[in-house]
Amino acid sequence: MSHTEGYSRRRLLSLAAGVSAVCTLNRALATTSAVTLPSAAGDQTMLTRAIPSSSESLPMVGLGTYRGFDVAPGDPVYRQLPAVLDELFAKGGTVIDSSPMYGRAEQTTGELLSIHEPSSPAFLATKVWTRGRDEGIAQMEQSFSLLRTERIDLMQIHNLLDWQTHLPTLREWKEQGRIRYIGITHYTPSAYDEVEAVLKAEQLDFLQINYALDDRGVEKRILPLCRERGVAVICNRPFGGGGLLGRVKGKPLPAWVSDVQVNSWPQLLLKFLLTHPAVTCVIPGTSNPRYMVDNVKAGFGPMLTDAQRHQLIALVG
């Protein structure tokens, strides 16, 4: 799968019809975790951050498929999904994250991307979520099949389930070129001690972890450790599981939002996360093209200052 070729809206839409269908932060940003500014295309290309283990540039806003992609052809929601991918790719986003625990999401993703081989720019991330070596291999093979790909960019051990068993397989497959990066995930503060222990003990490429303006527990130890260990960070649950959006609904945006080129609360909440130098990418989930259009805008323009971050924290709590 190519990561440099373009993307065709018409071809995605044709599939839908055919099947009925992210004081010290500023200093840190200026050093090891600097944002890569778009070149040539100007404001048409999303900002990127380097994956520490490879220096490969990764666009800062991606897409989560939990719930939104757990739909079948014939469902009205399914018919919206080609446009969701269109909006992601058109603005330079590439990361699409899924999991076997997300119902039909892997299969739906594979269907929507299959007609674009080898031209899809997608950076495919999924997970192994079972116990046992053979069971893990079987599940990952099924992910390859459902995603309709011969290579998965990022394979993650979901919620650290049986991680000691799966990690050797992931390393072997990475050496073989079947997967490009390996990582672990979690989404609850109760797991932070175990996450920290694994990060210290093992060499990993990625950590996917819960981080939101109202869920900042990872800032104390996890994010600094990732910077120290050279681990890229993908933020899941960037809207705090959805409750955060409800808390800010109806509140006026701060007067300075135009300085950071955002015009909505979702964009501002995502940019709050992307301003942290340890964060590589955010993956808000949606099945609505309008929300995808809004989300990707967080990957453009200046990051927040320390003062702006502190104001948001005080505003939301």
Protein backbone atom coordinates (compact mmCIF):
# COMPACT_ATOMS: atom_id res chain seq x y z
CA MET A 1 0.00 0.00 0.00
CA SER A 2 1.43 3.36 -1.02
CA HIS A 3 1.50 6.26 1.44
CA THR A 4 2.17 8.93 -1.14
CA GLU A 5 -0.41 8.54 -3.87
CA GLY A 6 -3.61 10.54 -4.14
CA TYR A 7 -7.16 9.73 -3.36
CA SER A 8 -10.27 9.65 -5.54
CA ARG A 9 -13.61 10.81 -4.24
CA ARG A 10 -15.36 9.50 -7.30
CA ARG A 11 -14.01 6.00 -6.78
CA LEU A 12 -15.09 5.93 -3.12
CA LEU A 13 -18.53 7.15 -4.02
CA SER A 14 -18.77 4.48 -6.67
CA LEU A 15 -18.08 1.82 -4.06
CA ALA A 16 -20.84 3.19 -1.85
CA ALA A 17 -23.27 2.97 -4.72
CA GLY A 18 -22.08 -0.48 -5.68
CA VAL A 19 -22.67 -1.93 -2.23
CA SER A 20 -25.63 0.30 -1.35
CA ALA A 21 -23.42 1.96 0.29
CA VAL A 22 -5.87 14.73 17.99
CA CYS A 23 6.50 27.10 31.59
CA THR A 24 7.69 24.42 28.86
CA LEU A 25 5.60 23.15 26.10
CA ASN A 26 6.67 25.75 23.56
CA ARG A 27 10.35 25.10 24.28
CA ALA A 28 9.77 21.38 23.90
CA LEU A 29 7.99 21.92 20.60
CA ALA A 30 11.01 23.80 19.35
CA THR A 31 13.31 20.85 20.05
CA THR A 32 12.72 17.14 19.73
CA SER A 33 9.00 17.06 18.94
CA ALA A 34 8.70 19.91 16.51
CA VAL A 35 5.73 20.09 14.19
CA THR A 36 6.56 19.75 10.51
CA LEU A 37 4.97 22.59 8.57
CA PRO A 38 3.40 21.89 5.18
CA SER A 39 5.50 22.70 2.15
CA ALA A 40 4.54 23.85 -1.35
CA ALA A 41 0.83 23.14 -0.94
CA GLY A 42 0.61 25.69 1.89
CA ASP A 43 -2.52 25.43 3.99
CA GLN A 44 -3.84 22.51 1.96
CA THR A 45 -1.61 19.97 3.70
CA MET A 46 -2.04 18.91 7.30
CA LEU A 47 0.72 19.41 9.86
CA THR A 48 2.74 16.33 10.75
CA ARG A 49 4.87 14.98 13.57
CA ALA A 50 7.71 12.50 13.26
CA ILE A 51 7.33 8.94 14.54
CA PRO A 52 10.35 8.81 16.89
CA SER A 53 11.46 5.28 16.02
CA SER A 54 11.67 5.98 12.28
CA SER A 55 11.40 9.77 11.71
CA GLU A 56 8.54 9.06 9.27
CA SER A 57 6.13 12.00 9.21
CA LEU A 58 2.59 11.25 10.38
CA PRO A 59 -0.35 13.62 9.86
CA MET A 60 -1.63 14.89 13.19
CA VAL A 61 -5.37 14.16 12.80
CA GLY A 62 -6.66 10.71 11.93
CA LEU A 63 -9.88 8.75 12.23
CA GLY A 64 -11.16 6.24 14.77
CA THR A 65 -13.64 3.63 13.54
CA TYR A 66 -15.21 2.60 16.86
CA ARG A 67 -19.00 2.54 16.46
CA GLY A 68 -19.06 4.75 13.39
CA PHE A 69 -17.77 2.06 11.02
CA ASP A 70 -19.63 -0.84 12.64
CA VAL A 71 -22.27 -0.76 9.92
CA ALA A 72 -23.14 -2.90 6.92
CA PRO A 73 -23.90 -2.07 3.29
CA GLY A 74 -27.49 -0.93 3.01
CA ASP A 75 -27.35 1.03 6.28
CA PRO A 76 -27.80 4.77 5.60
CA VAL A 77 -24.72 5.47 7.74
CA TYR A 78 -22.63 3.24 5.48
CA ARG A 79 -23.40 5.47 2.54
CA GLN A 80 -21.84 8.44 4.39
CA LEU A 81 -18.52 6.73 5.07
CA PRO A 82 -16.88 7.22 1.65
CA ALA A 83 -17.27 10.97 2.14
CA VAL A 84 -15.77 10.70 5.65
CA LEU A 85 -12.65 9.10 4.18
CA ASP A 86 -12.69 11.60 1.34
CA GLU A 87 -12.54 14.53 3.77
CA LEU A 88 -9.76 12.91 5.81
CA PHE A 89 -7.56 12.17 2.79
CA ALA A 90 -8.30 15.43 0.98
CA LYS A 91 -6.77 17.41 3.85
CA GLY A 92 -3.72 15.15 4.17
CA GLY A 93 -4.87 12.83 6.95
CA THR A 94 -3.93 9.16 6.66
CA VAL A 95 -4.35 7.35 10.01
CA ILE A 96 -7.35 5.01 10.25
CA ASP A 97 -7.53 3.06 13.52
CA SER A 98 -9.65 -0.03 14.07
CA SER A 99 -9.87 -3.21 16.15
CA PRO A 100 -11.48 -6.66 16.14
CA MET A 101 -13.57 -5.49 19.10
CA TYR A 102 -15.24 -2.81 16.95
CA GLY A 103 -17.73 -5.14 15.36
CA ARG A 104 -17.75 -4.81 11.60
CA ALA A 105 -15.37 -1.79 11.49
CA GLU A 106 -12.36 -3.62 10.03
CA GLN A 107 -14.47 -5.19 7.31
CA THR A 108 -16.14 -1.90 6.45
CA THR A 109 -12.76 -0.14 6.29
CA GLY A 110 -11.39 -2.84 4.00
CA GLU A 111 -14.39 -2.60 1.69
CA LEU A 112 -14.13 1.16 1.37
CA LEU A 113 -10.39 1.14 0.73
CA SER A 114 -10.09 -1.94 -1.47
CA ILE A 115 -10.84 -0.23 -4.76
CA HIS A 116 -8.01 2.25 -4.14
CA GLU A 117 -5.16 -0.23 -4.04
CA PRO A 118 -2.40 0.65 -4.53
CA SER A 119 -3.28 4.35 -4.46
CA SER A 120 -4.84 4.71 -1.00
CA PRO A 121 -2.79 6.92 1.32
CA ALA A 122 -4.21 5.18 4.41
CA PHE A 123 -1.95 4.45 7.40
CA LEU A 124 -3.79 1.38 8.71
CA ALA A 125 -3.72 0.68 12.45
CA THR A 126 -5.52 -2.18 14.15
CA LYS A 127 -5.13 -4.42 17.17
CA VAL A 128 -4.88 -7.94 18.55
CA TRP A 129 -7.41 -8.54 21.30
CA THR A 130 -7.45 -12.13 22.49
CA ARG A 131 -5.49 -14.60 24.64
CA GLY A 132 -3.06 -17.21 23.38
CA ARG A 133 -0.38 -17.24 20.69
CA ASP A 134 -2.32 -19.23 18.12
CA GLU A 135 -5.51 -17.32 18.81
CA GLY A 136 -3.65 -14.04 18.38
CA ILE A 137 -2.15 -15.15 15.09
CA ALA A 138 -5.54 -16.27 13.81
CA GLN A 139 -7.15 -12.99 14.81
CA MET A 140 -4.44 -10.90 13.17
CA GLU A 141 -4.64 -12.97 10.00
CA GLN A 142 -8.35 -12.25 9.96
CA SER A 143 -7.60 -8.52 10.29
CA PHE A 144 -5.38 -8.70 7.21
CA SER A 145 -8.20 -10.40 5.37
CA LEU A 146 -10.92 -8.01 6.51
CA LEU A 147 -8.79 -4.95 5.79
CA ARG A 148 -7.91 -6.44 2.40
CA THR A 149 -4.22 -5.65 2.74
CA GLU A 150 -0.91 -7.50 2.70
CA ARG A 151 0.69 -5.05 5.13
CA ILE A 152 -0.65 -3.32 8.24
CA ASP A 153 1.15 -0.15 9.27
CA LEU A 154 0.57 -0.45 13.01
CA MET A 155 -0.43 -3.54 15.01
CA GLN A 156 -1.24 -2.84 18.65
CA ILE A 157 -1.89 -5.10 21.63
CA HIS A 158 -5.32 -3.93 22.68
CA ASN A 159 -5.69 -3.03 26.36
CA LEU A 160 -2.47 -5.00 27.03
CA LEU A 161 -4.42 -8.26 26.83
CA ASP A 162 -1.88 -11.12 27.04
CA TRP A 163 0.82 -8.74 25.80
CA GLN A 164 3.74 -10.98 26.81
CA THR A 165 2.39 -13.69 24.48
CA HIS A 166 1.64 -11.47 21.50
CA LEU A 167 4.72 -9.22 21.50
CA PRO A 168 7.14 -11.85 20.09
CA THR A 169 4.74 -12.49 17.19
CA LEU A 170 4.47 -8.78 16.47
CA ARG A 171 8.26 -8.42 16.45
CA GLU A 172 8.62 -11.38 14.12
CA TRP A 173 6.01 -10.01 11.71
CA LYS A 174 7.67 -6.58 11.82
CA GLU A 175 10.98 -8.17 10.79
CA GLN A 176 9.18 -9.93 7.96
CA GLY A 177 7.62 -6.65 6.81
CA ARG A 178 4.03 -7.73 7.37
CA ILE A 179 3.60 -4.92 9.90
CA ARG A 180 5.60 -1.69 10.01
CA TYR A 181 5.18 -0.60 13.65
CA ILE A 182 4.15 -2.24 16.93
CA GLY A 183 2.46 -0.78 19.97
CA ILE A 184 0.15 -1.16 22.94
CA THR A 185 -3.12 0.52 23.86
CA HIS A 186 -5.32 1.30 26.84
CA TYR A 187 -8.10 3.71 27.70
CA THR A 188 -8.45 3.69 31.51
CA PRO A 189 -6.38 5.38 34.26
CA SER A 190 -6.46 2.18 36.31
CA ALA A 191 -4.07 0.64 33.77
CA TYR A 192 -1.45 3.42 33.84
CA ASP A 193 0.91 1.56 36.19
CA GLU A 194 0.98 -1.45 33.89
CA VAL A 195 1.31 0.74 30.80
CA GLU A 196 4.28 2.52 32.40
CA ALA A 197 5.93 -0.77 33.33
CA VAL A 198 5.62 -2.13 29.79
CA LEU A 199 6.94 1.10 28.26
CA LYS A 200 9.98 0.89 30.53
CA ALA A 201 10.59 -2.80 29.88
CA GLU A 202 9.98 -3.06 26.13
CA GLN A 203 10.99 -1.16 23.01
CA LEU A 204 7.78 -0.08 21.29
CA ASP A 205 6.95 2.23 18.42
CA PHE A 206 3.53 3.46 19.56
CA LEU A 207 1.29 3.91 22.55
CA GLN A 208 -2.42 4.59 22.06
CA ILE A 209 -3.91 6.06 25.24
CA ASN A 210 -6.87 8.09 26.48
CA TYR A 211 -6.17 11.83 26.64
CA ALA A 212 -8.62 14.74 26.66
CA LEU A 213 -8.90 18.20 28.16
CA ASP A 214 -10.96 16.74 31.01
CA ASP A 215 -8.87 13.52 31.20
CA ARG A 216 -5.24 14.63 31.65
CA GLY A 217 -3.88 11.84 33.84
CA VAL A 218 -1.29 10.81 31.25
CA GLU A 219 0.43 14.19 31.46
CA LYS A 220 2.14 13.38 34.76
CA ARG A 221 4.15 10.26 33.90
CA ILE A 222 2.99 8.52 30.73
CA LEU A 223 3.57 11.27 28.16
CA PRO A 224 6.99 12.29 29.56
CA LEU A 225 7.99 8.62 29.54
CA CYS A 226 6.97 8.26 25.90
CA ARG A 227 9.18 11.23 24.98
CA GLU A 228 12.05 9.72 26.95
CA ARG A 229 11.61 6.30 25.34
CA GLY A 230 10.99 7.55 21.80
CA VAL A 231 7.42 6.25 21.58
CA ALA A 232 4.83 7.88 19.34
CA VAL A 233 1.50 8.67 21.03
CA ILE A 234 -1.95 8.31 19.49
CA CYS A 235 -4.75 9.87 21.55
CA ASN A 236 -7.98 7.94 21.77
CA ARG A 237 -11.14 9.32 23.41
CA PRO A 238 -9.97 12.89 22.62
CA PHE A 239 -13.39 14.24 23.53
CA GLY A 240 -13.42 12.45 26.88
CA GLY A 241 -15.76 9.74 25.68
CA GLY A 242 -18.17 12.36 24.36
CA GLY A 243 -19.07 14.03 27.63
CA LEU A 244 -16.61 16.84 27.12
CA LEU A 245 -18.42 18.09 24.04
CA GLY A 246 -21.61 18.30 26.07
CA ARG A 247 -19.88 20.33 28.76
CA VAL A 248 -18.65 22.98 26.34
CA LYS A 249 -21.79 23.11 24.23
CA GLY A 250 -23.14 26.63 24.25
CA LYS A 251 -20.04 28.12 25.86
CA PRO A 252 -18.44 30.95 23.90
CA LEU A 253 -15.06 30.19 22.38
CA PRO A 254 -12.11 32.12 23.85
CA ALA A 255 -11.45 35.43 22.11
CA TRP A 256 -8.04 34.26 20.87
CA VAL A 257 -9.18 31.25 18.83
CA SER A 258 -8.58 33.02 15.53
CA ASP A 259 -4.88 33.25 16.51
CA VAL A 260 -4.67 29.43 16.34
CA GLN A 261 -6.95 29.14 13.30
CA VAL A 262 -9.84 27.24 14.86
CA ASN A 263 -13.51 28.15 14.86
CA SER A 264 -15.22 25.35 16.83
CA TRP A 265 -14.95 23.58 20.15
CA PRO A 266 -14.04 20.18 18.62
CA GLN A 267 -11.13 21.78 16.75
CA LEU A 268 -9.96 23.57 19.91
CA LEU A 269 -10.21 20.46 22.08
CA LEU A 270 -8.17 18.47 19.56
CA LYS A 271 -5.57 21.23 19.17
CA PHE A 272 -5.16 21.32 22.98
CA LEU A 273 -3.93 17.72 22.76
CA LEU A 274 -1.82 18.25 19.65
CA THR A 275 0.01 21.12 21.36
CA HIS A 276 1.58 18.64 23.79
CA PRO A 277 5.00 17.70 22.34
CA ALA A 278 4.58 14.00 23.14
CA VAL A 279 1.39 13.67 21.08
CA THR A 280 1.83 12.41 17.53
CA CYS A 281 -1.76 12.01 16.35
CA VAL A 282 -5.36 12.23 17.54
CA ILE A 283 -8.06 9.88 16.25
CA PRO A 284 -11.55 11.27 16.87
CA GLY A 285 -14.17 8.84 15.66
CA THR A 286 -17.03 9.82 13.38
CA SER A 287 -19.30 8.54 10.65
CA ASN A 288 -20.42 12.06 9.72
CA PRO A 289 -18.58 13.84 6.89
CA ARG A 290 -19.37 17.26 8.40
CA TYR A 291 -17.68 16.27 11.66
CA MET A 292 -14.68 14.94 9.74
CA VAL A 293 -14.37 18.29 7.96
CA ASP A 294 -14.42 20.03 11.34
CA ASN A 295 -11.98 17.64 13.04
CA VAL A 296 -9.26 17.79 10.39
CA LYS A 297 -9.01 21.57 10.75
CA ALA A 298 -7.28 21.01 14.12
CA GLY A 299 -4.27 19.82 12.12
CA PHE A 300 -3.68 23.25 10.60
CA GLY A 301 -2.31 26.55 11.89
CA PRO A 302 -0.37 27.48 15.06
CA MET A 303 -0.43 25.39 18.22
CA LEU A 304 -1.63 26.81 21.54
CA THR A 305 0.60 28.76 23.92
CA ASP A 306 1.05 27.67 27.54
CA ALA A 307 -1.22 30.52 28.63
CA GLN A 308 -3.95 29.40 26.24
CA ARG A 309 -3.72 25.81 27.46
CA HIS A 310 -3.99 26.93 31.07
CA GLN A 311 -7.00 29.08 30.25
CA LEU A 312 -8.77 26.09 28.71
CA ILE A 313 -7.97 23.91 31.72
CA ALA A 314 -9.39 26.58 34.05
CA LEU A 315 -12.48 26.93 31.85
CA VAL A 316 -13.32 23.25 31.67
CA GLY A 317 -11.77 21.99 34.93
